[in-house]
Amino acid sequence: MKTLLRRFAADRSGATAIEYALIAAIVCLAPMAAFAAGGEVIVGLLDQAATQLVVASPSNGVNVLP
């Protein structure tokens, strides 16, 4: 039983898997945080582009935007 516990305590493969999981989580969360921070800017740019398209379109009675 002691050898089993020593072998279990010396085994580092689980720690490596946890480290890789943490790295993967950081790699996934970093872009999400960046998009969340810049989301309002992107929405503003898209709204501005949509407004300019509506202004530039010929007046044919069709409402493109709700």
N, C-alpha and C. Protein backbone atom coordinates (compact mmCIF):
# COMPACT_ATOMS: atom_id res chain seq x y z
N MET A 1 0.82 -1.19 0.00
CA MET A 1 0.00 0.00 0.00
C MET A 1 0.87 1.27 0.00
N LYS A 2 1.99 1.23 0.71
CA LYS A 2 2.88 2.39 0.75
C LYS A 2 3.47 2.67 -0.62
N THR A 3 3.83 1.62 -1.35
CA THR A 3 4.39 1.83 -2.69
C THR A 3 3.35 2.46 -3.61
N LEU A 4 2.14 2.07 -3.48
CA LEU A 4 1.07 2.64 -4.31
C LEU A 4 0.91 4.13 -4.01
N LEU A 5 0.93 4.49 -2.74
CA LEU A 5 0.80 5.90 -2.37
C LEU A 5 2.01 6.72 -2.82
N ARG A 6 3.21 6.14 -2.70
CA ARG A 6 4.41 6.85 -3.17
C ARG A 6 4.36 7.06 -4.68
N ARG A 7 3.94 6.03 -5.40
CA ARG A 7 3.85 6.15 -6.85
C ARG A 7 2.80 7.19 -7.24
N PHE A 8 1.68 7.20 -6.51
CA PHE A 8 0.62 8.18 -6.78
C PHE A 8 1.12 9.60 -6.49
N ALA A 9 1.86 9.79 -5.41
CA ALA A 9 2.38 11.12 -5.05
C ALA A 9 3.43 11.59 -6.05
N ALA A 10 4.19 10.66 -6.62
CA ALA A 10 5.24 11.04 -7.57
C ALA A 10 4.71 11.25 -8.98
N ASP A 11 3.50 10.79 -9.28
CA ASP A 11 2.93 10.90 -10.62
C ASP A 11 2.55 12.35 -10.90
N ARG A 12 3.10 12.93 -11.95
CA ARG A 12 2.85 14.32 -12.31
C ARG A 12 2.03 14.47 -13.59
N SER A 13 1.52 13.39 -14.14
CA SER A 13 0.78 13.49 -15.41
C SER A 13 -0.54 14.24 -15.24
N GLY A 14 -1.17 14.11 -14.09
CA GLY A 14 -2.40 14.86 -13.85
C GLY A 14 -2.15 16.35 -13.76
N ALA A 15 -1.04 16.72 -13.15
CA ALA A 15 -0.69 18.14 -13.04
C ALA A 15 -0.45 18.75 -14.42
N THR A 16 0.18 17.99 -15.30
CA THR A 16 0.43 18.48 -16.66
C THR A 16 -0.89 18.70 -17.40
N ALA A 17 -1.82 17.78 -17.23
CA ALA A 17 -3.12 17.92 -17.88
C ALA A 17 -3.86 19.16 -17.36
N ILE A 18 -3.77 19.41 -16.07
CA ILE A 18 -4.42 20.59 -15.50
C ILE A 18 -3.76 21.86 -16.03
N GLU A 19 -2.45 21.86 -16.14
CA GLU A 19 -1.76 23.03 -16.68
C GLU A 19 -2.19 23.31 -18.12
N TYR A 20 -2.29 22.27 -18.93
CA TYR A 20 -2.74 22.47 -20.31
C TYR A 20 -4.18 22.97 -20.34
N ALA A 21 -5.02 22.48 -19.46
CA ALA A 21 -6.41 22.95 -19.41
C ALA A 21 -6.46 24.42 -19.03
N LEU A 22 -5.63 24.84 -18.08
CA LEU A 22 -5.61 26.25 -17.70
C LEU A 22 -5.11 27.13 -18.83
N ILE A 23 -4.10 26.69 -19.56
CA ILE A 23 -3.59 27.45 -20.70
C ILE A 23 -4.68 27.57 -21.77
N ALA A 24 -5.39 26.47 -22.03
CA ALA A 24 -6.46 26.51 -23.03
C ALA A 24 -7.57 27.46 -22.60
N ALA A 25 -7.89 27.47 -21.32
CA ALA A 25 -8.93 28.38 -20.83
C ALA A 25 -8.51 29.83 -21.00
N ILE A 26 -7.26 30.14 -20.72
CA ILE A 26 -6.77 31.51 -20.88
C ILE A 26 -6.79 31.92 -22.36
N VAL A 27 -6.39 31.00 -23.23
CA VAL A 27 -6.37 31.29 -24.66
C VAL A 27 -7.79 31.54 -25.17
N CYS A 28 -8.78 30.87 -24.61
CA CYS A 28 -10.17 31.07 -25.03
C CYS A 28 -10.78 32.33 -24.42
N LEU A 29 -10.43 32.63 -23.18
CA LEU A 29 -11.05 33.77 -22.49
C LEU A 29 -10.47 35.12 -22.90
N ALA A 30 -9.22 35.15 -23.29
CA ALA A 30 -8.59 36.43 -23.66
C ALA A 30 -9.29 37.10 -24.85
N PRO A 31 -9.53 36.39 -25.95
CA PRO A 31 -10.25 37.06 -27.06
C PRO A 31 -11.68 37.45 -26.70
N MET A 32 -12.33 36.64 -25.86
CA MET A 32 -13.69 36.97 -25.46
C MET A 32 -13.71 38.27 -24.65
N ALA A 33 -12.74 38.45 -23.78
CA ALA A 33 -12.66 39.68 -22.99
C ALA A 33 -12.35 40.86 -23.90
N ALA A 34 -11.50 40.67 -24.88
CA ALA A 34 -11.16 41.75 -25.80
C ALA A 34 -12.37 42.15 -26.64
N PHE A 35 -13.14 41.18 -27.10
CA PHE A 35 -14.33 41.50 -27.89
C PHE A 35 -15.39 42.16 -27.02
N ALA A 36 -15.49 41.75 -25.78
CA ALA A 36 -16.47 42.37 -24.89
C ALA A 36 -16.10 43.82 -24.62
N ALA A 37 -14.83 44.09 -24.48
CA ALA A 37 -14.39 45.46 -24.21
C ALA A 37 -14.59 46.36 -25.44
N GLY A 38 -14.35 45.84 -26.62
CA GLY A 38 -14.47 46.63 -27.84
C GLY A 38 -15.80 46.48 -28.54
N GLY A 39 -16.73 45.77 -27.94
CA GLY A 39 -18.02 45.50 -28.58
C GLY A 39 -18.83 46.74 -28.88
N GLU A 40 -18.81 47.69 -27.94
CA GLU A 40 -19.59 48.91 -28.14
C GLU A 40 -19.05 49.73 -29.31
N VAL A 41 -17.75 49.71 -29.49
CA VAL A 41 -17.14 50.44 -30.60
C VAL A 41 -17.56 49.81 -31.92
N ILE A 42 -17.55 48.49 -31.98
CA ILE A 42 -17.93 47.79 -33.21
C ILE A 42 -19.40 48.03 -33.53
N VAL A 43 -20.25 47.99 -32.53
CA VAL A 43 -21.68 48.23 -32.75
C VAL A 43 -21.89 49.66 -33.24
N GLY A 44 -21.17 50.60 -32.68
CA GLY A 44 -21.27 51.99 -33.13
C GLY A 44 -20.86 52.16 -34.57
N LEU A 45 -19.77 51.50 -34.97
CA LEU A 45 -19.32 51.57 -36.36
C LEU A 45 -20.34 50.96 -37.31
N LEU A 46 -20.92 49.83 -36.91
CA LEU A 46 -21.93 49.19 -37.77
C LEU A 46 -23.19 50.04 -37.87
N ASP A 47 -23.60 50.66 -36.78
CA ASP A 47 -24.76 51.56 -36.82
C ASP A 47 -24.50 52.75 -37.73
N GLN A 48 -23.31 53.29 -37.65
CA GLN A 48 -22.95 54.42 -38.50
C GLN A 48 -22.97 54.02 -39.98
N ALA A 49 -22.44 52.85 -40.28
CA ALA A 49 -22.43 52.37 -41.67
C ALA A 49 -23.86 52.13 -42.16
N ALA A 50 -24.71 51.57 -41.31
CA ALA A 50 -26.09 51.32 -41.71
C ALA A 50 -26.83 52.63 -41.96
N THR A 51 -26.59 53.61 -41.12
CA THR A 51 -27.22 54.91 -41.30
C THR A 51 -26.78 55.56 -42.62
N GLN A 52 -25.51 55.47 -42.91
CA GLN A 52 -25.01 56.04 -44.16
C GLN A 52 -25.59 55.32 -45.37
N LEU A 53 -25.78 54.01 -45.27
CA LEU A 53 -26.38 53.28 -46.38
C LEU A 53 -27.83 53.69 -46.59
N VAL A 54 -28.57 53.90 -45.51
CA VAL A 54 -29.96 54.31 -45.64
C VAL A 54 -30.04 55.71 -46.24
N VAL A 55 -29.16 56.59 -45.80
CA VAL A 55 -29.16 57.96 -46.33
C VAL A 55 -28.79 57.95 -47.81
N ALA A 56 -27.86 57.12 -48.21
CA ALA A 56 -27.40 57.10 -49.59
C ALA A 56 -28.33 56.34 -50.52
N SER A 57 -29.23 55.53 -49.99
CA SER A 57 -30.10 54.73 -50.85
C SER A 57 -31.19 55.60 -51.45
N PRO A 58 -31.63 55.22 -52.65
CA PRO A 58 -32.72 55.99 -53.27
C PRO A 58 -34.02 55.78 -52.49
N SER A 59 -34.82 56.80 -52.47
CA SER A 59 -36.07 56.74 -51.72
C SER A 59 -37.12 56.02 -52.56
N ASN A 60 -37.31 54.73 -52.29
CA ASN A 60 -38.28 53.95 -53.07
C ASN A 60 -39.41 53.43 -52.20
N GLY A 61 -39.51 53.93 -50.97
CA GLY A 61 -40.61 53.54 -50.10
C GLY A 61 -40.40 52.24 -49.36
N VAL A 62 -39.27 51.58 -49.56
CA VAL A 62 -38.98 50.32 -48.87
C VAL A 62 -38.16 50.64 -47.64
N ASN A 63 -38.64 50.19 -46.48
CA ASN A 63 -37.93 50.41 -45.24
C ASN A 63 -37.00 49.24 -45.00
N VAL A 64 -35.69 49.47 -45.10
CA VAL A 64 -34.70 48.40 -44.95
C VAL A 64 -34.48 48.06 -43.48
N LEU A 65 -34.43 49.09 -42.65
CA LEU A 65 -34.20 48.91 -41.23
C LEU A 65 -35.51 48.90 -40.47
N PRO A 66 -35.59 48.13 -39.41
CA PRO A 66 -36.87 48.12 -38.63
C PRO A 66 -37.08 49.40 -37.87
